[in-house]
Amino acid sequence: MAGTDPRPYLTEAKYPCGRDELLRAAAAAGAGDDVLGPLGTLPARDYADGDGVWEAIRSYNGAPIHDTAKEAP
């Protein structure tokens, strides 16, 4: 399992939201690197809720999980 369960730090996130909002909400709630690091590796897409975020983090297997070239408009 990668990282710590981020859900307690995401109670103020405005869902659906993307990675940047998740990082902002978690940092504002005082999350440490064990939460912020895994959140930063998530693909830049919208997440419906904290459970979806946690599932995405838990399924991360160490391989690159997004291609930043595909994120450009």
N, C-alpha and C. Protein backbone atom coordinates (compact mmCIF):
# COMPACT_ATOMS: atom_id res chain seq x y z
N MET A 1 0.85 -1.17 0.00
CA MET A 1 0.00 0.00 0.00
C MET A 1 0.89 1.23 0.00
N ALA A 2 0.54 2.22 -0.78
CA ALA A 2 1.34 3.43 -0.90
C ALA A 2 0.74 4.53 -0.06
N GLY A 3 1.48 5.02 0.91
CA GLY A 3 1.06 6.17 1.67
C GLY A 3 0.03 5.88 2.75
N THR A 4 -0.39 6.96 3.36
CA THR A 4 -1.37 6.94 4.44
C THR A 4 -2.73 7.32 3.87
N ASP A 5 -3.79 6.80 4.45
CA ASP A 5 -5.14 7.12 4.02
C ASP A 5 -5.33 8.64 4.04
N PRO A 6 -5.60 9.25 2.88
CA PRO A 6 -5.71 10.71 2.82
C PRO A 6 -7.09 11.24 3.20
N ARG A 7 -8.09 10.38 3.32
CA ARG A 7 -9.47 10.85 3.50
C ARG A 7 -9.67 11.79 4.68
N PRO A 8 -9.02 11.58 5.82
CA PRO A 8 -9.21 12.53 6.92
C PRO A 8 -8.71 13.95 6.59
N TYR A 9 -7.81 14.06 5.64
CA TYR A 9 -7.27 15.36 5.24
C TYR A 9 -8.02 15.99 4.08
N LEU A 10 -9.02 15.30 3.56
CA LEU A 10 -9.72 15.78 2.36
C LEU A 10 -11.16 16.19 2.64
N THR A 11 -11.50 16.38 3.89
CA THR A 11 -12.89 16.72 4.22
C THR A 11 -13.32 18.06 3.66
N GLU A 12 -12.40 18.97 3.40
CA GLU A 12 -12.74 20.28 2.85
C GLU A 12 -12.61 20.35 1.32
N ALA A 13 -12.22 19.26 0.68
CA ALA A 13 -12.11 19.24 -0.78
C ALA A 13 -13.50 19.39 -1.39
N LYS A 14 -13.58 20.12 -2.49
CA LYS A 14 -14.84 20.35 -3.20
C LYS A 14 -14.93 19.36 -4.35
N TYR A 15 -15.60 18.23 -4.13
CA TYR A 15 -15.72 17.18 -5.14
C TYR A 15 -16.82 17.50 -6.13
N PRO A 16 -16.70 17.03 -7.38
CA PRO A 16 -15.51 16.37 -7.94
C PRO A 16 -14.38 17.37 -8.09
N CYS A 17 -13.17 16.88 -7.92
CA CYS A 17 -12.02 17.76 -8.03
C CYS A 17 -10.80 16.99 -8.54
N GLY A 18 -9.83 17.76 -8.98
CA GLY A 18 -8.60 17.19 -9.52
C GLY A 18 -7.49 17.14 -8.49
N ARG A 19 -6.36 16.69 -8.93
CA ARG A 19 -5.18 16.51 -8.09
C ARG A 19 -4.77 17.80 -7.38
N ASP A 20 -4.81 18.93 -8.08
CA ASP A 20 -4.39 20.18 -7.46
C ASP A 20 -5.27 20.56 -6.27
N GLU A 21 -6.57 20.38 -6.41
CA GLU A 21 -7.50 20.67 -5.30
C GLU A 21 -7.26 19.70 -4.15
N LEU A 22 -7.01 18.44 -4.46
CA LEU A 22 -6.73 17.46 -3.41
C LEU A 22 -5.49 17.84 -2.63
N LEU A 23 -4.45 18.24 -3.35
CA LEU A 23 -3.21 18.65 -2.69
C LEU A 23 -3.43 19.90 -1.84
N ARG A 24 -4.20 20.86 -2.35
CA ARG A 24 -4.48 22.08 -1.61
C ARG A 24 -5.24 21.78 -0.33
N ALA A 25 -6.29 20.97 -0.44
CA ALA A 25 -7.11 20.64 0.73
C ALA A 25 -6.31 19.87 1.77
N ALA A 26 -5.51 18.90 1.32
CA ALA A 26 -4.72 18.10 2.25
C ALA A 26 -3.66 18.95 2.95
N ALA A 27 -2.99 19.81 2.20
CA ALA A 27 -1.97 20.68 2.80
C ALA A 27 -2.61 21.62 3.81
N ALA A 28 -3.77 22.19 3.48
CA ALA A 28 -4.46 23.10 4.40
C ALA A 28 -4.89 22.38 5.68
N ALA A 29 -5.14 21.08 5.58
CA ALA A 29 -5.55 20.30 6.75
C ALA A 29 -4.35 19.77 7.53
N GLY A 30 -3.14 20.10 7.09
CA GLY A 30 -1.95 19.70 7.84
C GLY A 30 -1.37 18.36 7.47
N ALA A 31 -1.69 17.85 6.30
CA ALA A 31 -1.16 16.55 5.87
C ALA A 31 0.36 16.62 5.70
N GLY A 32 1.01 15.51 6.01
CA GLY A 32 2.45 15.41 5.85
C GLY A 32 2.82 14.79 4.52
N ASP A 33 4.12 14.58 4.35
CA ASP A 33 4.62 14.01 3.09
C ASP A 33 4.06 12.62 2.81
N ASP A 34 3.70 11.87 3.86
CA ASP A 34 3.16 10.52 3.66
C ASP A 34 1.79 10.56 2.99
N VAL A 35 1.13 11.70 3.02
CA VAL A 35 -0.16 11.89 2.33
C VAL A 35 0.05 12.69 1.05
N LEU A 36 0.78 13.79 1.14
CA LEU A 36 0.97 14.65 -0.02
C LEU A 36 1.74 13.99 -1.15
N GLY A 37 2.73 13.18 -0.81
CA GLY A 37 3.52 12.49 -1.84
C GLY A 37 2.66 11.62 -2.74
N PRO A 38 1.91 10.68 -2.16
CA PRO A 38 1.05 9.84 -3.00
C PRO A 38 -0.02 10.63 -3.76
N LEU A 39 -0.58 11.68 -3.13
CA LEU A 39 -1.57 12.50 -3.84
C LEU A 39 -0.94 13.14 -5.07
N GLY A 40 0.31 13.54 -4.96
CA GLY A 40 0.99 14.18 -6.08
C GLY A 40 1.27 13.25 -7.24
N THR A 41 1.20 11.95 -7.01
CA THR A 41 1.44 10.98 -8.09
C THR A 41 0.16 10.60 -8.84
N LEU A 42 -0.98 11.06 -8.35
CA LEU A 42 -2.24 10.69 -8.99
C LEU A 42 -2.36 11.32 -10.38
N PRO A 43 -3.04 10.65 -11.28
CA PRO A 43 -3.30 11.25 -12.59
C PRO A 43 -4.11 12.53 -12.43
N ALA A 44 -3.87 13.49 -13.29
CA ALA A 44 -4.59 14.77 -13.25
C ALA A 44 -5.95 14.58 -13.90
N ARG A 45 -6.87 14.07 -13.13
CA ARG A 45 -8.26 13.88 -13.57
C ARG A 45 -9.15 14.22 -12.40
N ASP A 46 -10.45 14.21 -12.59
CA ASP A 46 -11.37 14.50 -11.49
C ASP A 46 -11.66 13.24 -10.69
N TYR A 47 -11.77 13.43 -9.39
CA TYR A 47 -12.10 12.35 -8.46
C TYR A 47 -13.44 12.69 -7.82
N ALA A 48 -14.32 11.71 -7.75
CA ALA A 48 -15.68 11.93 -7.28
C ALA A 48 -15.76 12.11 -5.77
N ASP A 49 -14.87 11.43 -5.03
CA ASP A 49 -14.93 11.50 -3.57
C ASP A 49 -13.65 10.94 -2.97
N GLY A 50 -13.54 11.03 -1.66
CA GLY A 50 -12.36 10.55 -0.97
C GLY A 50 -12.10 9.07 -1.15
N ASP A 51 -13.17 8.29 -1.23
CA ASP A 51 -13.00 6.84 -1.44
C ASP A 51 -12.33 6.56 -2.78
N GLY A 52 -12.71 7.32 -3.81
CA GLY A 52 -12.09 7.16 -5.12
C GLY A 52 -10.62 7.54 -5.11
N VAL A 53 -10.30 8.56 -4.33
CA VAL A 53 -8.90 8.98 -4.19
C VAL A 53 -8.10 7.87 -3.50
N TRP A 54 -8.63 7.36 -2.41
CA TRP A 54 -7.93 6.31 -1.66
C TRP A 54 -7.76 5.06 -2.51
N GLU A 55 -8.76 4.70 -3.28
CA GLU A 55 -8.66 3.54 -4.16
C GLU A 55 -7.57 3.75 -5.21
N ALA A 56 -7.49 4.94 -5.77
CA ALA A 56 -6.45 5.23 -6.77
C ALA A 56 -5.06 5.13 -6.16
N ILE A 57 -4.90 5.62 -4.94
CA ILE A 57 -3.60 5.54 -4.27
C ILE A 57 -3.25 4.09 -3.95
N ARG A 58 -4.21 3.33 -3.44
CA ARG A 58 -3.95 1.94 -3.07
C ARG A 58 -3.61 1.08 -4.28
N SER A 59 -4.17 1.41 -5.45
CA SER A 59 -3.91 0.59 -6.64
C SER A 59 -2.61 0.96 -7.33
N TYR A 60 -1.99 2.05 -6.91
CA TYR A 60 -0.71 2.47 -7.49
C TYR A 60 0.33 1.38 -7.23
N ASN A 61 1.01 0.94 -8.29
CA ASN A 61 1.95 -0.18 -8.14
C ASN A 61 3.40 0.22 -8.38
N GLY A 62 3.70 1.51 -8.38
CA GLY A 62 5.07 1.95 -8.56
C GLY A 62 5.43 2.33 -9.98
N ALA A 63 4.59 2.00 -10.94
CA ALA A 63 4.84 2.37 -12.34
C ALA A 63 4.28 3.76 -12.58
N PRO A 64 4.81 4.46 -13.58
CA PRO A 64 4.23 5.77 -13.90
C PRO A 64 2.74 5.62 -14.18
N ILE A 65 1.93 6.49 -13.60
CA ILE A 65 0.49 6.33 -13.76
C ILE A 65 -0.15 7.45 -14.56
N HIS A 66 0.64 8.38 -15.07
CA HIS A 66 0.08 9.36 -15.98
C HIS A 66 1.15 9.90 -16.90
N ASP A 67 0.69 10.36 -18.04
CA ASP A 67 1.59 10.91 -19.06
C ASP A 67 1.30 12.40 -19.15
N THR A 68 2.21 13.23 -18.65
CA THR A 68 1.95 14.67 -18.61
C THR A 68 1.81 15.26 -20.00
N ALA A 69 2.38 14.65 -21.02
CA ALA A 69 2.24 15.15 -22.39
C ALA A 69 0.77 15.09 -22.82
N LYS A 70 0.03 14.13 -22.32
CA LYS A 70 -1.38 14.00 -22.68
C LYS A 70 -2.26 14.99 -21.94
N GLU A 71 -1.72 15.64 -20.91
CA GLU A 71 -2.50 16.58 -20.12
C GLU A 71 -2.53 17.98 -20.73
N ALA A 72 -1.66 18.24 -21.68
CA ALA A 72 -1.63 19.57 -22.32
C ALA A 72 -2.87 19.77 -23.16
N PRO A 73 -3.39 21.00 -23.21
CA PRO A 73 -4.62 21.23 -24.01
C PRO A 73 -4.39 21.04 -25.50
